[in-house]
Amino acid sequence: MRTIRRFLGRVRNFSGDRRGDERFREEMEQHVAFQTDENVRAGMSPAEARRQARLKFGGVETIREN
């Protein structure tokens, strides 16, 4: 189920006439959201799960520059 949601999210991001930067930001937020969900299922509080997901994902600006 998670794989299907990721796939559909990526398809949605690349369809339409949205600008590339907006699509990139949305896709990164989706990855953080998926990791947050996994962390909550692993027993973390929602706030800690989101914090850990952001730490695991890394610096958004660094990824954007690369």
PDB file of N, CA and C in Angstrom:
ATOM      1  N   MET A   1       0.824  -1.191   0.000  1.00  0.00           N
ATOM      2  CA  MET A   1       0.000   0.000   0.000  1.00  0.00           C
ATOM      3  C   MET A   1       0.869   1.255   0.000  1.00  0.00           C
ATOM      4  N   ARG A   2       1.913   1.267   0.812  1.00  0.00           N
ATOM      5  CA  ARG A   2       2.790   2.432   0.881  1.00  0.00           C
ATOM      6  C   ARG A   2       3.464   2.687  -0.463  1.00  0.00           C
ATOM      7  N   THR A   3       3.877   1.635  -1.135  1.00  0.00           N
ATOM      8  CA  THR A   3       4.527   1.779  -2.435  1.00  0.00           C
ATOM      9  C   THR A   3       3.573   2.390  -3.445  1.00  0.00           C
ATOM     10  N   ILE A   4       2.341   1.985  -3.396  1.00  0.00           N
ATOM     11  CA  ILE A   4       1.340   2.534  -4.316  1.00  0.00           C
ATOM     12  C   ILE A   4       1.148   4.025  -4.045  1.00  0.00           C
ATOM     13  N   ARG A   5       1.073   4.410  -2.753  1.00  0.00           N
ATOM     14  CA  ARG A   5       0.911   5.831  -2.419  1.00  0.00           C
ATOM     15  C   ARG A   5       2.104   6.643  -2.901  1.00  0.00           C
ATOM     16  N   ARG A   6       3.289   6.109  -2.744  1.00  0.00           N
ATOM     17  CA  ARG A   6       4.485   6.823  -3.228  1.00  0.00           C
ATOM     18  C   ARG A   6       4.432   7.007  -4.730  1.00  0.00           C
ATOM     19  N   PHE A   7       4.096   5.929  -5.421  1.00  0.00           N
ATOM     20  CA  PHE A   7       4.028   5.990  -6.877  1.00  0.00           C
ATOM     21  C   PHE A   7       2.999   7.018  -7.329  1.00  0.00           C
ATOM     22  N   LEU A   8       1.813   6.976  -6.746  1.00  0.00           N
ATOM     23  CA  LEU A   8       0.763   7.920  -7.130  1.00  0.00           C
ATOM     24  C   LEU A   8       1.156   9.354  -6.788  1.00  0.00           C
ATOM     25  N   GLY A   9       1.841   9.538  -5.671  1.00  0.00           N
ATOM     26  CA  GLY A   9       2.316  10.867  -5.320  1.00  0.00           C
ATOM     27  C   GLY A   9       3.307  11.406  -6.335  1.00  0.00           C
ATOM     28  N   ARG A  10       4.197  10.559  -6.792  1.00  0.00           N
ATOM     29  CA  ARG A  10       5.177  10.993  -7.797  1.00  0.00           C
ATOM     30  C   ARG A  10       4.505  11.301  -9.127  1.00  0.00           C
ATOM     31  N   VAL A  11       3.562  10.472  -9.519  1.00  0.00           N
ATOM     32  CA  VAL A  11       2.835  10.734 -10.757  1.00  0.00           C
ATOM     33  C   VAL A  11       2.103  12.070 -10.657  1.00  0.00           C
ATOM     34  N   ARG A  12       1.466  12.296  -9.530  1.00  0.00           N
ATOM     35  CA  ARG A  12       0.733  13.545  -9.322  1.00  0.00           C
ATOM     36  C   ARG A  12       1.684  14.742  -9.366  1.00  0.00           C
ATOM     37  N   ASN A  13       2.866  14.596  -8.816  1.00  0.00           N
ATOM     38  CA  ASN A  13       3.819  15.706  -8.813  1.00  0.00           C
ATOM     39  C   ASN A  13       4.311  16.062 -10.208  1.00  0.00           C
ATOM     40  N   PHE A  14       4.409  15.107 -11.073  1.00  0.00           N
ATOM     41  CA  PHE A  14       4.934  15.380 -12.401  1.00  0.00           C
ATOM     42  C   PHE A  14       3.864  15.619 -13.444  1.00  0.00           C
ATOM     43  N   SER A  15       2.622  15.528 -13.068  1.00  0.00           N
ATOM     44  CA  SER A  15       1.543  15.833 -14.002  1.00  0.00           C
ATOM     45  C   SER A  15       1.140  17.293 -13.843  1.00  0.00           C
ATOM     46  N   GLY A  16       0.507  17.819 -14.830  1.00  0.00           N
ATOM     47  CA  GLY A  16       0.049  19.200 -14.741  1.00  0.00           C
ATOM     48  C   GLY A  16       1.136  20.181 -15.126  1.00  0.00           C
ATOM     49  N   ASP A  17       0.891  21.444 -14.842  1.00  0.00           N
ATOM     50  CA  ASP A  17       1.817  22.482 -15.278  1.00  0.00           C
ATOM     51  C   ASP A  17       2.488  23.203 -14.110  1.00  0.00           C
ATOM     52  N   ARG A  18       2.627  22.521 -12.980  1.00  0.00           N
ATOM     53  CA  ARG A  18       3.289  23.145 -11.830  1.00  0.00           C
ATOM     54  C   ARG A  18       4.770  23.307 -12.091  1.00  0.00           C
ATOM     55  N   ARG A  19       5.333  24.277 -11.462  1.00  0.00           N
ATOM     56  CA  ARG A  19       6.762  24.539 -11.623  1.00  0.00           C
ATOM     57  C   ARG A  19       7.582  23.451 -10.943  1.00  0.00           C
ATOM     58  N   GLY A  20       8.779  23.230 -11.447  1.00  0.00           N
ATOM     59  CA  GLY A  20       9.638  22.173 -10.934  1.00  0.00           C
ATOM     60  C   GLY A  20       9.982  22.303  -9.470  1.00  0.00           C
ATOM     61  N   ASP A  21      10.231  23.512  -8.999  1.00  0.00           N
ATOM     62  CA  ASP A  21      10.603  23.719  -7.603  1.00  0.00           C
ATOM     63  C   ASP A  21       9.463  23.322  -6.671  1.00  0.00           C
ATOM     64  N   GLU A  22       8.249  23.656  -7.051  1.00  0.00           N
ATOM     65  CA  GLU A  22       7.083  23.291  -6.246  1.00  0.00           C
ATOM     66  C   GLU A  22       6.907  21.775  -6.204  1.00  0.00           C
ATOM     67  N   ARG A  23       7.077  21.133  -7.344  1.00  0.00           N
ATOM     68  CA  ARG A  23       6.976  19.660  -7.392  1.00  0.00           C
ATOM     69  C   ARG A  23       8.036  19.033  -6.515  1.00  0.00           C
ATOM     70  N   PHE A  24       9.251  19.557  -6.571  1.00  0.00           N
ATOM     71  CA  PHE A  24      10.352  19.023  -5.774  1.00  0.00           C
ATOM     72  C   PHE A  24      10.046  19.152  -4.279  1.00  0.00           C
ATOM     73  N   ARG A  25       9.579  20.323  -3.867  1.00  0.00           N
ATOM     74  CA  ARG A  25       9.254  20.553  -2.462  1.00  0.00           C
ATOM     75  C   ARG A  25       8.146  19.608  -1.994  1.00  0.00           C
ATOM     76  N   GLU A  26       7.128  19.423  -2.825  1.00  0.00           N
ATOM     77  CA  GLU A  26       6.034  18.526  -2.458  1.00  0.00           C
ATOM     78  C   GLU A  26       6.499  17.082  -2.333  1.00  0.00           C
ATOM     79  N   GLU A  27       7.375  16.664  -3.244  1.00  0.00           N
ATOM     80  CA  GLU A  27       7.868  15.293  -3.166  1.00  0.00           C
ATOM     81  C   GLU A  27       8.709  15.083  -1.910  1.00  0.00           C
ATOM     82  N   MET A  28       9.510  16.059  -1.550  1.00  0.00           N
ATOM     83  CA  MET A  28      10.307  15.935  -0.336  1.00  0.00           C
ATOM     84  C   MET A  28       9.395  15.877   0.890  1.00  0.00           C
ATOM     85  N   GLU A  29       8.355  16.686   0.917  1.00  0.00           N
ATOM     86  CA  GLU A  29       7.406  16.647   2.033  1.00  0.00           C
ATOM     87  C   GLU A  29       6.701  15.295   2.112  1.00  0.00           C
ATOM     88  N   GLN A  30       6.418  14.696   0.971  1.00  0.00           N
ATOM     89  CA  GLN A  30       5.801  13.364   0.973  1.00  0.00           C
ATOM     90  C   GLN A  30       6.734  12.336   1.589  1.00  0.00           C
ATOM     91  N   HIS A  31       8.002  12.416   1.255  1.00  0.00           N
ATOM     92  CA  HIS A  31       8.967  11.472   1.837  1.00  0.00           C
ATOM     93  C   HIS A  31       9.033  11.634   3.361  1.00  0.00           C
ATOM     94  N   VAL A  32       9.036  12.869   3.823  1.00  0.00           N
ATOM     95  CA  VAL A  32       9.060  13.127   5.265  1.00  0.00           C
ATOM     96  C   VAL A  32       7.784  12.584   5.897  1.00  0.00           C
ATOM     97  N   ALA A  33       6.642  12.784   5.236  1.00  0.00           N
ATOM     98  CA  ALA A  33       5.369  12.299   5.772  1.00  0.00           C
ATOM     99  C   ALA A  33       5.360  10.772   5.864  1.00  0.00           C
ATOM    100  N   PHE A  34       5.868  10.107   4.837  1.00  0.00           N
ATOM    101  CA  PHE A  34       5.912   8.640   4.868  1.00  0.00           C
ATOM    102  C   PHE A  34       6.803   8.142   6.000  1.00  0.00           C
ATOM    103  N   GLN A  35       7.963   8.783   6.165  1.00  0.00           N
ATOM    104  CA  GLN A  35       8.871   8.381   7.243  1.00  0.00           C
ATOM    105  C   GLN A  35       8.253   8.670   8.598  1.00  0.00           C
ATOM    106  N   THR A  36       7.540   9.786   8.707  1.00  0.00           N
ATOM    107  CA  THR A  36       6.851  10.121   9.953  1.00  0.00           C
ATOM    108  C   THR A  36       5.840   9.038  10.302  1.00  0.00           C
ATOM    109  N   ASP A  37       5.060   8.604   9.302  1.00  0.00           N
ATOM    110  CA  ASP A  37       4.076   7.534   9.528  1.00  0.00           C
ATOM    111  C   ASP A  37       4.757   6.263  10.038  1.00  0.00           C
ATOM    112  N   GLU A  38       5.880   5.919   9.427  1.00  0.00           N
ATOM    113  CA  GLU A  38       6.607   4.721   9.859  1.00  0.00           C
ATOM    114  C   GLU A  38       7.095   4.877  11.298  1.00  0.00           C
ATOM    115  N   ASN A  39       7.579   6.066  11.635  1.00  0.00           N
ATOM    116  CA  ASN A  39       8.076   6.307  12.993  1.00  0.00           C
ATOM    117  C   ASN A  39       6.949   6.224  14.020  1.00  0.00           C
ATOM    118  N   VAL A  40       5.784   6.747  13.682  1.00  0.00           N
ATOM    119  CA  VAL A  40       4.637   6.668  14.600  1.00  0.00           C
ATOM    120  C   VAL A  40       4.242   5.213  14.802  1.00  0.00           C
ATOM    121  N   ARG A  41       4.231   4.436  13.726  1.00  0.00           N
ATOM    122  CA  ARG A  41       3.899   3.007  13.845  1.00  0.00           C
ATOM    123  C   ARG A  41       4.929   2.271  14.690  1.00  0.00           C
ATOM    124  N   ALA A  42       6.162   2.797  14.719  1.00  0.00           N
ATOM    125  CA  ALA A  42       7.221   2.184  15.521  1.00  0.00           C
ATOM    126  C   ALA A  42       7.130   2.588  16.989  1.00  0.00           C
ATOM    127  N   GLY A  43       6.182   3.488  17.326  1.00  0.00           N
ATOM    128  CA  GLY A  43       5.962   3.827  18.719  1.00  0.00           C
ATOM    129  C   GLY A  43       6.361   5.234  19.150  1.00  0.00           C
ATOM    130  N   MET A  44       6.822   6.064  18.227  1.00  0.00           N
ATOM    131  CA  MET A  44       7.202   7.432  18.584  1.00  0.00           C
ATOM    132  C   MET A  44       5.967   8.320  18.679  1.00  0.00           C
ATOM    133  N   SER A  45       6.087   9.390  19.450  1.00  0.00           N
ATOM    134  CA  SER A  45       5.020  10.391  19.465  1.00  0.00           C
ATOM    135  C   SER A  45       5.023  11.095  18.103  1.00  0.00           C
ATOM    136  N   PRO A  46       3.904  11.659  17.694  1.00  0.00           N
ATOM    137  CA  PRO A  46       3.858  12.328  16.378  1.00  0.00           C
ATOM    138  C   PRO A  46       4.903  13.437  16.223  1.00  0.00           C
ATOM    139  N   ALA A  47       5.119  14.239  17.258  1.00  0.00           N
ATOM    140  CA  ALA A  47       6.105  15.313  17.159  1.00  0.00           C
ATOM    141  C   ALA A  47       7.523  14.761  17.010  1.00  0.00           C
ATOM    142  N   GLU A  48       7.855  13.760  17.805  1.00  0.00           N
ATOM    143  CA  GLU A  48       9.185  13.156  17.715  1.00  0.00           C
ATOM    144  C   GLU A  48       9.354  12.408  16.396  1.00  0.00           C
ATOM    145  N   ALA A  49       8.293  11.770  15.927  1.00  0.00           N
ATOM    146  CA  ALA A  49       8.349  11.035  14.661  1.00  0.00           C
ATOM    147  C   ALA A  49       8.668  11.982  13.511  1.00  0.00           C
ATOM    148  N   ARG A  50       8.033  13.153  13.490  1.00  0.00           N
ATOM    149  CA  ARG A  50       8.295  14.134  12.424  1.00  0.00           C
ATOM    150  C   ARG A  50       9.714  14.681  12.546  1.00  0.00           C
ATOM    151  N   ARG A  51      10.146  14.961  13.751  1.00  0.00           N
ATOM    152  CA  ARG A  51      11.507  15.470  13.956  1.00  0.00           C
ATOM    153  C   ARG A  51      12.548  14.470  13.456  1.00  0.00           C
ATOM    154  N   GLN A  52      12.367  13.209  13.833  1.00  0.00           N
ATOM    155  CA  GLN A  52      13.299  12.164  13.406  1.00  0.00           C
ATOM    156  C   GLN A  52      13.262  11.974  11.884  1.00  0.00           C
ATOM    157  N   ALA A  53      12.082  12.082  11.294  1.00  0.00           N
ATOM    158  CA  ALA A  53      11.961  11.945   9.843  1.00  0.00           C
ATOM    159  C   ALA A  53      12.737  13.056   9.143  1.00  0.00           C
ATOM    160  N   ARG A  54      12.617  14.280   9.637  1.00  0.00           N
ATOM    161  CA  ARG A  54      13.356  15.401   9.048  1.00  0.00           C
ATOM    162  C   ARG A  54      14.859  15.214   9.216  1.00  0.00           C
ATOM    163  N   LEU A  55      15.285  14.707  10.376  1.00  0.00           N
ATOM    164  CA  LEU A  55      16.713  14.450  10.582  1.00  0.00           C
ATOM    165  C   LEU A  55      17.222  13.373   9.628  1.00  0.00           C
ATOM    166  N   LYS A  56      16.440  12.329   9.459  1.00  0.00           N
ATOM    167  CA  LYS A  56      16.844  11.231   8.571  1.00  0.00           C
ATOM    168  C   LYS A  56      16.892  11.681   7.121  1.00  0.00           C
ATOM    169  N   PHE A  57      15.949  12.527   6.746  1.00  0.00           N
ATOM    170  CA  PHE A  57      15.885  12.976   5.359  1.00  0.00           C
ATOM    171  C   PHE A  57      17.029  13.921   5.031  1.00  0.00           C
ATOM    172  N   GLY A  58      17.477  14.701   5.986  1.00  0.00           N
ATOM    173  CA  GLY A  58      18.616  15.574   5.760  1.00  0.00           C
ATOM    174  C   GLY A  58      18.226  16.985   5.409  1.00  0.00           C
ATOM    175  N   GLY A  59      19.208  17.757   5.011  1.00  0.00           N
ATOM    176  CA  GLY A  59      18.993  19.160   4.692  1.00  0.00           C
ATOM    177  C   GLY A  59      18.329  19.341   3.340  1.00  0.00           C
ATOM    178  N   VAL A  60      17.201  19.973   3.347  1.00  0.00           N
ATOM    179  CA  VAL A  60      16.445  20.199   2.119  1.00  0.00           C
ATOM    180  C   VAL A  60      17.207  21.088   1.165  1.00  0.00           C
ATOM    181  N   GLU A  61      17.825  22.141   1.663  1.00  0.00           N
ATOM    182  CA  GLU A  61      18.570  23.066   0.801  1.00  0.00           C
ATOM    183  C   GLU A  61      19.766  22.374   0.153  1.00  0.00           C
ATOM    184  N   THR A  62      20.436  21.517   0.884  1.00  0.00           N
ATOM    185  CA  THR A  62      21.577  20.790   0.328  1.00  0.00           C
ATOM    186  C   THR A  62      21.120  19.886  -0.798  1.00  0.00           C
ATOM    187  N   ILE A  63      20.026  19.186  -0.604  1.00  0.00           N
ATOM    188  CA  ILE A  63      19.499  18.307  -1.650  1.00  0.00           C
ATOM    189  C   ILE A  63      19.070  19.127  -2.855  1.00  0.00           C
ATOM    190  N   ARG A  64      18.413  20.248  -2.622  1.00  0.00           N
ATOM    191  CA  ARG A  64      17.961  21.106  -3.717  1.00  0.00           C
ATOM    192  C   ARG A  64      19.143  21.596  -4.537  1.00  0.00           C
ATOM    193  N   GLU A  65      20.248  21.986  -3.875  1.00  0.00           N
ATOM    194  CA  GLU A  65      21.417  22.472  -4.597  1.00  0.00           C
ATOM    195  C   GLU A  65      22.052  21.385  -5.443  1.00  0.00           C
ATOM    196  N   ASN A  66      22.067  20.154  -4.926  1.00  0.00           N
ATOM    197  CA  ASN A  66      22.660  19.048  -5.683  1.00  0.00           C
ATOM    198  C   ASN A  66      21.816  18.734  -6.885  1.00  0.00           C
TER     199      ASN A  66
END
